[in-house]
């Protein structure tokens, strides 16, 4: 009887360990990656096309350059997660200036990352310093970019997507 209970207990512990194995990656993807992806893609959509060349100050990136920077880092970080060279699409990002092409490149880069993250688990996320850095960087760096873009949106009278979502949940418009 005791031996049978031990077997059941060990089986339950093994199952719980396997089930809990992907808590970090699942939480990171669902709570942070999906959120920043939504915020950046929505920012690209709400900024008027004529404002894609806008700079907060002369020394800063244009709105389009920030978006292209996000796409570039997405491709570089997620190619590391995939264990492959960055796709050809990454090579043409610096030349993109028009809203439609910048938006599409951003969406494509996030789709590329989402496919890489679908194959990620906690063990792989911690398997090397390069993988860990790339895994965390797609979330942290995109949040830094979004923080910059919020200023670009607000100066142009546009409510940032994250604020708009909160206001909507509260039944407010501004």
C-alpha atoms as a PDB file:
ATOM      1  CA  UNK A   1       0.000   0.000   0.000  1.00  0.00           C
ATOM      2  CA  UNK A   2       2.753   2.483   0.949  1.00  0.00           C
ATOM      3  CA  UNK A   3       4.724   1.536  -2.173  1.00  0.00           C
ATOM      4  CA  UNK A   4       1.658   2.128  -4.362  1.00  0.00           C
ATOM      5  CA  UNK A   5       1.039   5.514  -2.748  1.00  0.00           C
ATOM      6  CA  UNK A   6       4.683   6.458  -3.313  1.00  0.00           C
ATOM      7  CA  UNK A   7       4.373   5.530  -6.953  1.00  0.00           C
ATOM      8  CA  UNK A   8       1.226   7.614  -7.319  1.00  0.00           C
ATOM      9  CA  UNK A   9       2.826  10.532  -5.430  1.00  0.00           C
ATOM     10  CA  UNK A  10       5.969  10.384  -7.556  1.00  0.00           C
ATOM     11  CA  UNK A  11       3.846  10.207 -10.690  1.00  0.00           C
ATOM     12  CA  UNK A  12       1.861  13.260  -9.603  1.00  0.00           C
ATOM     13  CA  UNK A  13       5.043  15.171  -8.802  1.00  0.00           C
ATOM     14  CA  UNK A  14       6.547  14.245 -12.178  1.00  0.00           C
ATOM     15  CA  UNK A  15       3.373  15.362 -13.959  1.00  0.00           C
ATOM     16  CA  UNK A  16       3.284  18.622 -11.988  1.00  0.00           C
ATOM     17  CA  UNK A  17       6.928  19.270 -12.835  1.00  0.00           C
ATOM     18  CA  UNK A  18       6.327  18.657 -16.528  1.00  0.00           C
ATOM     19  CA  UNK A  19       3.199  20.804 -16.458  1.00  0.00           C
ATOM     20  CA  UNK A  20       4.974  23.641 -14.628  1.00  0.00           C
ATOM     21  CA  UNK A  21       7.994  23.436 -16.905  1.00  0.00           C
ATOM     22  CA  UNK A  22       6.745  26.114 -19.279  1.00  0.00           C
ATOM     23  CA  UNK A  23       5.315  28.638 -16.832  1.00  0.00           C
ATOM     24  CA  UNK A  24       7.995  31.235 -17.621  1.00  0.00           C
ATOM     25  CA  UNK A  25       7.711  31.015 -21.379  1.00  0.00           C
ATOM     26  CA  UNK A  26       3.917  30.798 -21.392  1.00  0.00           C
ATOM     27  CA  UNK A  27       3.573  33.793 -19.073  1.00  0.00           C
ATOM     28  CA  UNK A  28       6.147  35.811 -21.024  1.00  0.00           C
ATOM     29  CA  UNK A  29       4.444  35.129 -24.338  1.00  0.00           C
ATOM     30  CA  UNK A  30       0.849  35.589 -23.214  1.00  0.00           C
ATOM     31  CA  UNK A  31       1.269  38.526 -20.881  1.00  0.00           C
ATOM     32  CA  UNK A  32       4.211  40.435 -22.307  1.00  0.00           C
ATOM     33  CA  UNK A  33       4.977  39.481 -25.914  1.00  0.00           C
ATOM     34  CA  UNK A  34       1.360  39.477 -27.075  1.00  0.00           C
ATOM     35  CA  UNK A  35       0.718  42.782 -25.278  1.00  0.00           C
ATOM     36  CA  UNK A  36       3.695  44.621 -26.730  1.00  0.00           C
ATOM     37  CA  UNK A  37       2.971  43.150 -30.149  1.00  0.00           C
ATOM     38  CA  UNK A  38      -0.572  44.511 -29.949  1.00  0.00           C
ATOM     39  CA  UNK A  39       0.613  47.930 -28.748  1.00  0.00           C
ATOM     40  CA  UNK A  40       3.267  48.337 -31.428  1.00  0.00           C
ATOM     41  CA  UNK A  41       1.065  47.104 -34.276  1.00  0.00           C
ATOM     42  CA  UNK A  42      -1.748  49.379 -33.096  1.00  0.00           C
ATOM     43  CA  UNK A  43       0.680  52.320 -32.860  1.00  0.00           C
ATOM     44  CA  UNK A  44       1.688  51.724 -36.467  1.00  0.00           C
ATOM     45  CA  UNK A  45      -1.976  51.751 -37.450  1.00  0.00           C
ATOM     46  CA  UNK A  46      -3.062  54.886 -35.581  1.00  0.00           C
ATOM     47  CA  UNK A  47      -0.166  57.094 -36.656  1.00  0.00           C
ATOM     48  CA  UNK A  48      -1.166  58.927 -39.855  1.00  0.00           C
ATOM     49  CA  UNK A  49       0.934  58.122 -42.928  1.00  0.00           C
ATOM     50  CA  UNK A  50       2.208  61.697 -43.202  1.00  0.00           C
ATOM     51  CA  UNK A  51       3.618  61.427 -39.653  1.00  0.00           C
ATOM     52  CA  UNK A  52       5.863  58.434 -40.359  1.00  0.00           C
ATOM     53  CA  UNK A  53       8.705  60.893 -41.055  1.00  0.00           C
ATOM     54  CA  UNK A  54       8.012  62.818 -37.823  1.00  0.00           C
ATOM     55  CA  UNK A  55      10.846  63.245 -35.286  1.00  0.00           C
ATOM     56  CA  UNK A  56      10.368  64.495 -31.722  1.00  0.00           C
ATOM     57  CA  UNK A  57      13.679  66.359 -32.019  1.00  0.00           C
ATOM     58  CA  UNK A  58      16.165  66.618 -34.889  1.00  0.00           C
ATOM     59  CA  UNK A  59      18.548  64.016 -33.431  1.00  0.00           C
ATOM     60  CA  UNK A  60      15.953  61.303 -32.898  1.00  0.00           C
ATOM     61  CA  UNK A  61      14.624  58.545 -35.130  1.00  0.00           C
ATOM     62  CA  UNK A  62      11.561  59.133 -37.220  1.00  0.00           C
ATOM     63  CA  UNK A  63       8.447  57.198 -36.280  1.00  0.00           C
ATOM     64  CA  UNK A  64       9.119  54.853 -39.233  1.00  0.00           C
ATOM     65  CA  UNK A  65      12.722  54.323 -38.130  1.00  0.00           C
ATOM     66  CA  UNK A  66      11.546  53.261 -34.656  1.00  0.00           C
ATOM     67  CA  UNK A  67       9.160  50.766 -36.238  1.00  0.00           C
ATOM     68  CA  UNK A  68      11.893  49.459 -38.542  1.00  0.00           C
ATOM     69  CA  UNK A  69      14.242  49.164 -35.578  1.00  0.00           C
ATOM     70  CA  UNK A  70      11.682  47.007 -33.797  1.00  0.00           C
ATOM     71  CA  UNK A  71      11.275  44.803 -36.872  1.00  0.00           C
ATOM     72  CA  UNK A  72      15.036  44.465 -37.258  1.00  0.00           C
ATOM     73  CA  UNK A  73      15.568  43.417 -33.642  1.00  0.00           C
ATOM     74  CA  UNK A  74      12.627  41.033 -33.829  1.00  0.00           C
ATOM     75  CA  UNK A  75      14.211  39.278 -36.792  1.00  0.00           C
ATOM     76  CA  UNK A  76      17.667  39.188 -35.205  1.00  0.00           C
ATOM     77  CA  UNK A  77      16.485  37.992 -31.793  1.00  0.00           C
ATOM     78  CA  UNK A  78      13.990  35.467 -33.115  1.00  0.00           C
ATOM     79  CA  UNK A  79      16.428  34.056 -35.658  1.00  0.00           C
ATOM     80  CA  UNK A  80      18.628  33.301 -32.629  1.00  0.00           C
ATOM     81  CA  UNK A  81      15.692  31.522 -30.983  1.00  0.00           C
ATOM     82  CA  UNK A  82      15.129  29.562 -34.198  1.00  0.00           C
ATOM     83  CA  UNK A  83      18.826  28.781 -34.636  1.00  0.00           C
ATOM     84  CA  UNK A  84      18.959  30.201 -38.160  1.00  0.00           C
ATOM     85  CA  UNK A  85      20.202  33.319 -39.956  1.00  0.00           C
ATOM     86  CA  UNK A  86      17.832  36.286 -40.056  1.00  0.00           C
ATOM     87  CA  UNK A  87      15.486  36.104 -43.055  1.00  0.00           C
ATOM     88  CA  UNK A  88      16.065  38.141 -46.200  1.00  0.00           C
ATOM     89  CA  UNK A  89      13.209  40.481 -45.232  1.00  0.00           C
ATOM     90  CA  UNK A  90      15.399  41.887 -42.458  1.00  0.00           C
ATOM     91  CA  UNK A  91      17.928  43.221 -44.974  1.00  0.00           C
ATOM     92  CA  UNK A  92      15.554  45.732 -46.563  1.00  0.00           C
ATOM     93  CA  UNK A  93      14.090  47.284 -43.405  1.00  0.00           C
ATOM     94  CA  UNK A  94      16.267  50.415 -43.363  1.00  0.00           C
ATOM     95  CA  UNK A  95      14.889  51.470 -46.739  1.00  0.00           C
ATOM     96  CA  UNK A  96      11.223  51.314 -45.696  1.00  0.00           C
ATOM     97  CA  UNK A  97       9.562  54.683 -45.161  1.00  0.00           C
ATOM     98  CA  UNK A  98       5.902  54.455 -46.202  1.00  0.00           C
ATOM     99  CA  UNK A  99       3.239  53.516 -43.660  1.00  0.00           C
ATOM    100  CA  UNK A 100       1.906  50.435 -45.465  1.00  0.00           C
ATOM    101  CA  UNK A 101       5.324  48.864 -46.003  1.00  0.00           C
ATOM    102  CA  UNK A 102       6.577  49.698 -42.497  1.00  0.00           C
ATOM    103  CA  UNK A 103       3.394  48.290 -40.930  1.00  0.00           C
ATOM    104  CA  UNK A 104       3.601  45.106 -42.979  1.00  0.00           C
ATOM    105  CA  UNK A 105       7.261  44.603 -42.090  1.00  0.00           C
ATOM    106  CA  UNK A 106       6.444  45.039 -38.403  1.00  0.00           C
ATOM    107  CA  UNK A 107       3.581  42.548 -38.580  1.00  0.00           C
ATOM    108  CA  UNK A 108       5.746  40.066 -40.475  1.00  0.00           C
ATOM    109  CA  UNK A 109       8.542  40.369 -37.902  1.00  0.00           C
ATOM    110  CA  UNK A 110       6.123  39.726 -35.047  1.00  0.00           C
ATOM    111  CA  UNK A 111       4.657  36.712 -36.881  1.00  0.00           C
ATOM    112  CA  UNK A 112       8.207  35.395 -37.321  1.00  0.00           C
ATOM    113  CA  UNK A 113       8.770  35.787 -33.571  1.00  0.00           C
ATOM    114  CA  UNK A 114       5.424  34.237 -32.650  1.00  0.00           C
ATOM    115  CA  UNK A 115       6.358  31.134 -34.656  1.00  0.00           C
ATOM    116  CA  UNK A 116       9.699  30.960 -32.822  1.00  0.00           C
ATOM    117  CA  UNK A 117       8.009  31.383 -29.447  1.00  0.00           C
ATOM    118  CA  UNK A 118       5.519  28.610 -30.240  1.00  0.00           C
ATOM    119  CA  UNK A 119       8.496  26.222 -30.115  1.00  0.00           C
ATOM    120  CA  UNK A 120       9.990  27.736 -26.967  1.00  0.00           C
ATOM    121  CA  UNK A 121       9.892  26.143 -23.546  1.00  0.00           C
ATOM    122  CA  UNK A 122      11.532  27.054 -20.250  1.00  0.00           C
ATOM    123  CA  UNK A 123      14.394  24.637 -20.772  1.00  0.00           C
ATOM    124  CA  UNK A 124      15.227  26.077 -24.186  1.00  0.00           C
ATOM    125  CA  UNK A 125      14.840  29.677 -22.931  1.00  0.00           C
ATOM    126  CA  UNK A 126      17.596  29.025 -20.391  1.00  0.00           C
ATOM    127  CA  UNK A 127      19.749  26.794 -22.571  1.00  0.00           C
ATOM    128  CA  UNK A 128      22.415  29.426 -23.348  1.00  0.00           C
ATOM    129  CA  UNK A 129      23.157  33.075 -22.648  1.00  0.00           C
ATOM    130  CA  UNK A 130      22.403  33.923 -26.295  1.00  0.00           C
ATOM    131  CA  UNK A 131      19.002  32.241 -26.229  1.00  0.00           C
ATOM    132  CA  UNK A 132      18.091  33.758 -22.849  1.00  0.00           C
ATOM    133  CA  UNK A 133      19.115  37.220 -24.015  1.00  0.00           C
ATOM    134  CA  UNK A 134      17.161  36.938 -27.287  1.00  0.00           C
ATOM    135  CA  UNK A 135      14.099  35.588 -25.473  1.00  0.00           C
ATOM    136  CA  UNK A 136      14.021  38.444 -22.972  1.00  0.00           C
ATOM    137  CA  UNK A 137      15.169  41.085 -25.450  1.00  0.00           C
ATOM    138  CA  UNK A 138      12.156  40.759 -27.757  1.00  0.00           C
ATOM    139  CA  UNK A 139       9.955  41.772 -24.837  1.00  0.00           C
ATOM    140  CA  UNK A 140      12.162  44.303 -23.051  1.00  0.00           C
ATOM    141  CA  UNK A 141      13.453  46.062 -26.166  1.00  0.00           C
ATOM    142  CA  UNK A 142      10.027  46.341 -27.791  1.00  0.00           C
ATOM    143  CA  UNK A 143       8.685  47.872 -24.577  1.00  0.00           C
ATOM    144  CA  UNK A 144      11.503  50.427 -24.694  1.00  0.00           C
ATOM    145  CA  UNK A 145      10.588  51.248 -28.281  1.00  0.00           C
ATOM    146  CA  UNK A 146       6.919  51.571 -27.356  1.00  0.00           C
ATOM    147  CA  UNK A 147       7.890  53.958 -24.547  1.00  0.00           C
ATOM    148  CA  UNK A 148       9.546  56.189 -27.122  1.00  0.00           C
ATOM    149  CA  UNK A 149       6.633  55.941 -29.535  1.00  0.00           C
ATOM    150  CA  UNK A 150       4.140  57.035 -26.883  1.00  0.00           C
ATOM    151  CA  UNK A 151       5.777  60.479 -26.976  1.00  0.00           C
ATOM    152  CA  UNK A 152       5.482  60.609 -30.761  1.00  0.00           C
ATOM    153  CA  UNK A 153       1.810  59.701 -30.584  1.00  0.00           C
ATOM    154  CA  UNK A 154       0.934  62.100 -27.750  1.00  0.00           C
ATOM    155  CA  UNK A 155       2.700  65.077 -29.370  1.00  0.00           C
ATOM    156  CA  UNK A 156       0.550  64.409 -32.428  1.00  0.00           C
ATOM    157  CA  UNK A 157      -2.662  64.338 -30.394  1.00  0.00           C
ATOM    158  CA  UNK A 158      -3.060  60.554 -30.550  1.00  0.00           C
ATOM    159  CA  UNK A 159      -3.952  58.489 -27.490  1.00  0.00           C
ATOM    160  CA  UNK A 160      -1.460  55.588 -27.274  1.00  0.00           C
ATOM    161  CA  UNK A 161      -3.035  52.149 -27.763  1.00  0.00           C
ATOM    162  CA  UNK A 162      -2.284  50.962 -24.222  1.00  0.00           C
ATOM    163  CA  UNK A 163      -3.987  54.052 -22.759  1.00  0.00           C
ATOM    164  CA  UNK A 164      -6.866  53.751 -25.215  1.00  0.00           C
ATOM    165  CA  UNK A 165      -7.425  50.138 -24.089  1.00  0.00           C
ATOM    166  CA  UNK A 166      -7.551  51.149 -20.418  1.00  0.00           C
ATOM    167  CA  UNK A 167      -9.924  54.015 -21.135  1.00  0.00           C
ATOM    168  CA  UNK A 168     -12.160  51.722 -23.168  1.00  0.00           C
ATOM    169  CA  UNK A 169     -12.265  49.183 -20.335  1.00  0.00           C
ATOM    170  CA  UNK A 170     -13.383  52.018 -18.032  1.00  0.00           C
ATOM    171  CA  UNK A 171     -16.057  53.171 -20.488  1.00  0.00           C
ATOM    172  CA  UNK A 172     -14.201  56.406 -21.251  1.00  0.00           C
ATOM    173  CA  UNK A 173     -12.877  57.861 -24.483  1.00  0.00           C
ATOM    174  CA  UNK A 174     -10.262  60.273 -23.072  1.00  0.00           C
END
